[in-house]
Amino acid sequence: MIRGDGPFGPDADPGADADDADADAANTDDADPDDVDSRAADDGFEPAAPVDPDRRVTDDGRLLIPVETLAVLNWLGDVGVEGVEARLDRVSADDVTVETEQVKVDYAGAATVLSRFGAADRAGARVPVRSPFAGDVLVLFPVKSANRAASLMLERAVDDAAAAVSTPMGRDALTELCNVVANGFVDEWATVFDTPFDTGAPTAVQNPELTLLHRIFSDADVGLYLTARFRLVEPDVDATVFAFPGEERFVRRLSRVDPATLDR
């Protein structure tokens, strides 16, 4: 449901002795392999699960992330914004200057997200990442910026972009802009993973920021997320991109990346 004046609302861790141990060792060497296997099967122990050398967890099951991985994530945020600018230059009628205001790596869970984010309305779109890792990219605008962003997208399509913002066309324009931003943001990530990222169709969203974030954290395997806040200078549009890895495989793969190999 569209709320307000425009489509996005008002601008507002010793056993036996040594002799016994040697005897046991000799007996084991002479034993029938089948008998040894039989005793092992009856020793009452469960088979050990395969060890994943890349999975680092605490005693209470929380995933550990090397400090070096945080550096890689910050780099992904920086190049992500550069990718956004490159994409926007293709769709805007004029050159678009993008200023990065903040890139932050953080962690939250479904139980804590309500105290991390604000209650103000945000409009934008959720873009699913399908491969090489499952996840989501959420692109959000404050309501004032959402209307101006939609107008930016409509400049080439209609004569009176400002008037068209209040129509369903304005909603579709903002959703497509979010799709452009999300795909631009992950473009350079292919350099790290040596494979392109495949994204799905965007879904328009509008709700308080904490509601939108809570829905994603409720479905994610990991609570790690990357935030990039930036501003489109000329149309005076503020935007935030939230990237959610969604699964541990993403984090384990990142931990193998040497920050010294990244272009800065």
Protein backbone atom coordinates (compact mmCIF):
# COMPACT_ATOMS: atom_id res chain seq x y z
CA MET A 1 0.00 0.00 0.00
CA ILE A 2 1.33 3.43 -0.93
CA ARG A 3 1.37 5.86 1.96
CA GLY A 4 1.46 9.63 2.04
CA ASP A 5 1.58 12.28 -0.65
CA GLY A 6 3.99 10.53 -3.00
CA PRO A 7 4.45 6.85 -3.69
CA PHE A 8 6.81 6.55 -0.74
CA GLY A 9 5.08 8.85 1.74
CA PRO A 10 5.51 12.54 2.58
CA ASP A 11 8.90 14.14 2.31
CA ALA A 12 9.49 13.56 5.84
CA ASP A 13 40.49 -29.87 25.56
CA PRO A 14 48.88 -41.86 31.88
CA GLY A 15 47.13 -44.71 30.54
CA ALA A 16 48.58 -48.20 31.06
CA ASP A 17 52.34 -48.66 31.84
CA ALA A 18 54.90 -48.87 29.02
CA ASP A 19 55.09 -52.73 29.00
CA ASP A 20 51.33 -53.06 28.71
CA ALA A 21 51.30 -50.41 26.01
CA ASP A 22 53.99 -52.27 23.98
CA ALA A 23 52.09 -55.54 24.35
CA ASP A 24 48.88 -53.91 23.21
CA ALA A 25 50.67 -52.43 20.23
CA ALA A 26 52.13 -55.83 19.26
CA ASN A 27 48.77 -57.53 19.64
CA THR A 28 47.15 -54.92 17.47
CA ASP A 29 49.77 -55.35 14.76
CA ASP A 30 49.15 -59.14 14.65
CA ALA A 31 45.41 -58.85 14.82
CA ASP A 32 43.03 -59.72 12.04
CA PRO A 33 41.93 -56.45 10.46
CA ASP A 34 38.34 -57.67 10.47
CA ASP A 35 38.52 -58.27 14.25
CA VAL A 36 39.92 -54.79 14.78
CA ASP A 37 37.15 -53.26 12.75
CA SER A 38 34.61 -55.29 14.73
CA ARG A 39 35.95 -54.03 18.06
CA ALA A 40 35.97 -50.48 16.77
CA ALA A 41 32.36 -50.81 15.74
CA ASP A 42 31.43 -52.00 19.25
CA ASP A 43 33.40 -49.45 21.26
CA GLY A 44 30.35 -47.34 21.86
CA PHE A 45 31.65 -44.18 20.16
CA GLU A 46 29.88 -42.29 17.43
CA PRO A 47 31.85 -41.75 14.19
CA ALA A 48 33.50 -38.33 14.21
CA ALA A 49 32.06 -35.68 11.94
CA PRO A 50 34.33 -34.41 9.16
CA VAL A 51 36.49 -31.50 10.26
CA ASP A 52 36.11 -28.25 8.37
CA PRO A 53 39.45 -26.39 8.81
CA ASP A 54 37.89 -23.14 7.67
CA ARG A 55 35.09 -23.16 10.24
CA ARG A 56 36.08 -21.26 13.37
CA VAL A 57 33.48 -21.22 16.13
CA THR A 58 33.35 -20.42 19.83
CA ASP A 59 32.24 -22.91 22.53
CA ASP A 60 28.72 -21.56 22.29
CA GLY A 61 28.59 -22.04 18.52
CA ARG A 62 29.20 -18.47 17.36
CA LEU A 63 31.14 -18.03 14.14
CA LEU A 64 34.58 -16.43 14.53
CA ILE A 65 35.77 -14.01 11.87
CA PRO A 66 39.50 -13.22 11.44
CA VAL A 67 40.41 -9.56 11.65
CA GLU A 68 41.85 -9.83 8.13
CA THR A 69 38.41 -10.85 6.87
CA LEU A 70 36.96 -7.63 8.23
CA ALA A 71 39.48 -5.73 6.11
CA VAL A 72 38.30 -7.64 3.04
CA LEU A 73 34.68 -6.87 3.85
CA ASN A 74 35.44 -3.18 4.18
CA TRP A 75 37.16 -3.30 0.80
CA LEU A 76 34.08 -4.93 -0.70
CA GLY A 77 32.04 -2.05 0.63
CA ASP A 78 34.33 0.58 -0.89
CA VAL A 79 34.48 -1.01 -4.34
CA GLY A 80 30.78 -1.71 -4.10
CA VAL A 81 30.00 2.00 -3.98
CA GLU A 82 32.33 2.54 -6.96
CA GLY A 83 30.34 -0.08 -8.83
CA VAL A 84 27.13 1.73 -7.98
CA GLU A 85 28.46 4.96 -9.45
CA ALA A 86 29.54 3.19 -12.64
CA ARG A 87 26.10 1.66 -13.08
CA LEU A 88 24.21 4.87 -12.34
CA ASP A 89 26.17 6.74 -15.00
CA ARG A 90 24.62 4.38 -17.55
CA VAL A 91 21.01 5.00 -16.56
CA SER A 92 20.97 8.67 -15.60
CA ALA A 93 20.49 11.49 -18.07
CA ASP A 94 23.36 13.36 -16.40
CA ASP A 95 26.64 12.34 -14.77
CA VAL A 96 26.05 11.18 -11.21
CA THR A 97 28.58 11.86 -8.46
CA VAL A 98 28.47 9.38 -5.59
CA GLU A 99 29.99 10.26 -2.22
CA THR A 100 30.67 7.43 0.24
CA GLU A 101 29.61 8.49 3.72
CA GLN A 102 30.16 5.27 5.67
CA VAL A 103 31.16 1.64 5.12
CA LYS A 104 30.64 -0.56 8.16
CA VAL A 105 30.82 -4.29 8.98
CA ASP A 106 28.56 -5.33 11.83
CA TYR A 107 26.67 -8.24 13.36
CA ALA A 108 23.13 -8.57 14.57
CA GLY A 109 20.56 -11.29 15.17
CA ALA A 110 16.79 -11.50 15.07
CA ALA A 111 16.69 -10.85 18.84
CA THR A 112 18.84 -7.70 18.73
CA VAL A 113 17.93 -6.13 15.42
CA LEU A 114 15.03 -4.19 16.89
CA SER A 115 17.43 -2.14 19.01
CA ARG A 116 19.95 -1.59 16.20
CA PHE A 117 17.85 0.13 13.59
CA GLY A 118 15.46 3.00 13.41
CA ALA A 119 11.69 3.19 13.19
CA ALA A 120 11.56 5.74 10.38
CA ASP A 121 10.02 4.64 7.11
CA ARG A 122 12.31 3.53 4.31
CA ALA A 123 11.45 2.72 0.72
CA GLY A 124 13.45 0.67 -1.73
CA ALA A 125 13.86 -2.94 -2.81
CA ARG A 126 15.24 -6.29 -1.72
CA VAL A 127 17.40 -8.06 -4.32
CA PRO A 128 18.21 -11.77 -3.72
CA VAL A 129 21.70 -13.09 -4.45
CA ARG A 130 21.43 -16.60 -5.86
CA SER A 131 25.02 -17.58 -6.59
CA PRO A 132 27.84 -18.20 -5.85
CA PHE A 133 26.37 -17.70 -2.37
CA ALA A 134 22.85 -17.17 -1.21
CA GLY A 135 22.09 -13.84 0.41
CA ASP A 136 20.34 -10.51 -0.04
CA VAL A 137 21.12 -6.94 -0.91
CA LEU A 138 18.70 -4.40 0.51
CA VAL A 139 18.70 -0.89 -0.93
CA LEU A 140 16.82 1.71 1.10
CA PHE A 141 16.09 5.42 0.84
CA PRO A 142 14.52 7.86 3.30
CA VAL A 143 11.14 8.88 1.91
CA LYS A 144 12.28 12.28 0.65
CA SER A 145 15.22 10.73 -1.16
CA ALA A 146 13.03 7.94 -2.53
CA ASN A 147 10.87 10.44 -4.38
CA ARG A 148 13.89 12.29 -5.77
CA ALA A 149 15.54 8.98 -6.74
CA ALA A 150 12.45 7.90 -8.65
CA SER A 151 12.42 11.23 -10.45
CA LEU A 152 16.08 10.70 -11.41
CA MET A 153 15.16 7.41 -13.07
CA LEU A 154 12.21 8.92 -14.93
CA GLU A 155 14.09 11.83 -16.49
CA ARG A 156 14.70 9.94 -19.73
CA ALA A 157 11.25 8.37 -19.83
CA VAL A 158 8.81 11.22 -19.34
CA ASP A 159 8.67 14.95 -19.82
CA ASP A 160 7.46 15.76 -16.32
CA ALA A 161 9.42 13.36 -14.06
CA ALA A 162 8.36 15.15 -10.86
CA ALA A 163 4.69 14.59 -11.60
CA ALA A 164 5.20 10.95 -12.61
CA VAL A 165 6.80 10.15 -9.24
CA SER A 166 3.37 9.98 -7.61
CA THR A 167 2.17 7.26 -10.01
CA PRO A 168 2.84 3.49 -10.07
CA MET A 169 5.50 4.38 -12.61
CA GLY A 170 7.37 6.12 -9.81
CA ARG A 171 7.31 2.98 -7.67
CA ASP A 172 8.56 0.88 -10.58
CA ALA A 173 11.28 3.43 -11.30
CA LEU A 174 12.58 3.30 -7.70
CA THR A 175 12.52 -0.51 -7.74
CA GLU A 176 14.55 -0.57 -10.93
CA LEU A 177 17.00 1.94 -9.48
CA CYS A 178 17.47 -0.33 -6.45
CA ASN A 179 18.15 -3.22 -8.83
CA VAL A 180 20.81 -1.14 -10.59
CA VAL A 181 22.40 -0.16 -7.26
CA ALA A 182 22.38 -3.73 -5.88
CA ASN A 183 23.95 -5.22 -8.99
CA GLY A 184 26.49 -2.42 -9.20
CA PHE A 185 27.39 -3.04 -5.56
CA VAL A 186 28.28 -6.71 -6.14
CA ASP A 187 29.91 -6.26 -9.56
CA GLU A 188 33.43 -6.01 -8.15
CA TRP A 189 32.89 -8.87 -5.72
CA ALA A 190 33.39 -11.21 -8.67
CA THR A 191 37.06 -10.19 -8.57
CA VAL A 192 37.46 -11.73 -5.11
CA PHE A 193 35.48 -14.87 -5.78
CA ASP A 194 36.56 -15.26 -9.40
CA THR A 195 32.98 -15.85 -10.48
CA PRO A 196 30.09 -13.62 -11.43
CA PHE A 197 27.28 -12.97 -8.99
CA ASP A 198 23.80 -13.93 -10.07
CA THR A 199 20.93 -11.93 -8.62
CA GLY A 200 17.18 -12.38 -8.80
CA ALA A 201 14.34 -9.98 -9.47
CA PRO A 202 13.96 -7.06 -7.06
CA THR A 203 10.99 -6.83 -4.70
CA ALA A 204 9.73 -3.38 -3.75
CA VAL A 205 9.63 -2.75 0.00
CA GLN A 206 8.43 0.05 2.24
CA ASN A 207 8.32 -0.18 6.02
CA PRO A 208 10.19 1.03 9.09
CA GLU A 209 13.87 0.19 8.71
CA LEU A 210 13.90 -2.15 11.74
CA THR A 211 10.98 -4.15 10.32
CA LEU A 212 12.69 -4.67 6.97
CA LEU A 213 15.99 -5.68 8.61
CA HIS A 214 14.30 -8.00 11.13
CA ARG A 215 12.72 -9.99 8.31
CA ILE A 216 16.09 -10.65 6.69
CA PHE A 217 17.95 -11.50 9.93
CA SER A 218 15.18 -13.97 10.80
CA ASP A 219 15.99 -15.97 7.66
CA ALA A 220 19.81 -15.65 7.58
CA ASP A 221 22.26 -18.36 8.76
CA VAL A 222 24.73 -15.69 9.88
CA GLY A 223 24.08 -12.27 11.37
CA LEU A 224 27.02 -10.63 9.62
CA TYR A 225 26.16 -7.73 7.37
CA LEU A 226 27.85 -4.94 5.47
CA THR A 227 26.44 -1.45 5.32
CA ALA A 228 27.42 1.23 2.82
CA ARG A 229 25.85 4.65 3.12
CA PHE A 230 26.32 7.03 0.24
CA ARG A 231 24.88 10.15 -1.30
CA LEU A 232 24.08 11.09 -4.87
CA VAL A 233 25.27 14.68 -4.86
CA GLU A 234 23.38 16.44 -7.62
CA PRO A 235 19.89 15.09 -7.01
CA ASP A 236 20.58 15.22 -3.24
CA VAL A 237 19.66 11.58 -2.62
CA ASP A 238 20.74 9.63 0.46
CA ALA A 239 20.83 5.84 0.20
CA THR A 240 21.96 2.82 2.20
CA VAL A 241 22.94 -0.60 0.88
CA PHE A 242 22.79 -3.54 3.27
CA ALA A 243 24.53 -6.71 2.06
CA PHE A 244 23.72 -9.95 3.88
CA PRO A 245 25.93 -13.01 3.14
CA GLY A 246 23.13 -15.28 4.35
CA GLU A 247 25.31 -18.38 4.86
CA GLU A 248 28.64 -19.36 6.50
CA ARG A 249 30.17 -20.46 3.19
CA PHE A 250 30.56 -16.83 2.20
CA VAL A 251 32.50 -16.00 5.39
CA ARG A 252 34.77 -19.07 5.12
CA ARG A 253 35.63 -18.19 1.54
CA LEU A 254 36.44 -14.62 2.48
CA SER A 255 38.80 -15.81 5.26
CA ARG A 256 41.09 -17.27 2.56
CA VAL A 257 41.54 -13.93 0.85
CA ASP A 258 44.81 -12.12 1.61
CA PRO A 259 44.06 -8.41 2.09
CA ALA A 260 47.49 -7.61 0.61
CA THR A 261 46.27 -8.89 -2.76
CA LEU A 262 43.44 -6.38 -2.99
CA ASP A 263 43.67 -3.26 -5.08
CA ARG A 264 43.36 -0.16 -2.94
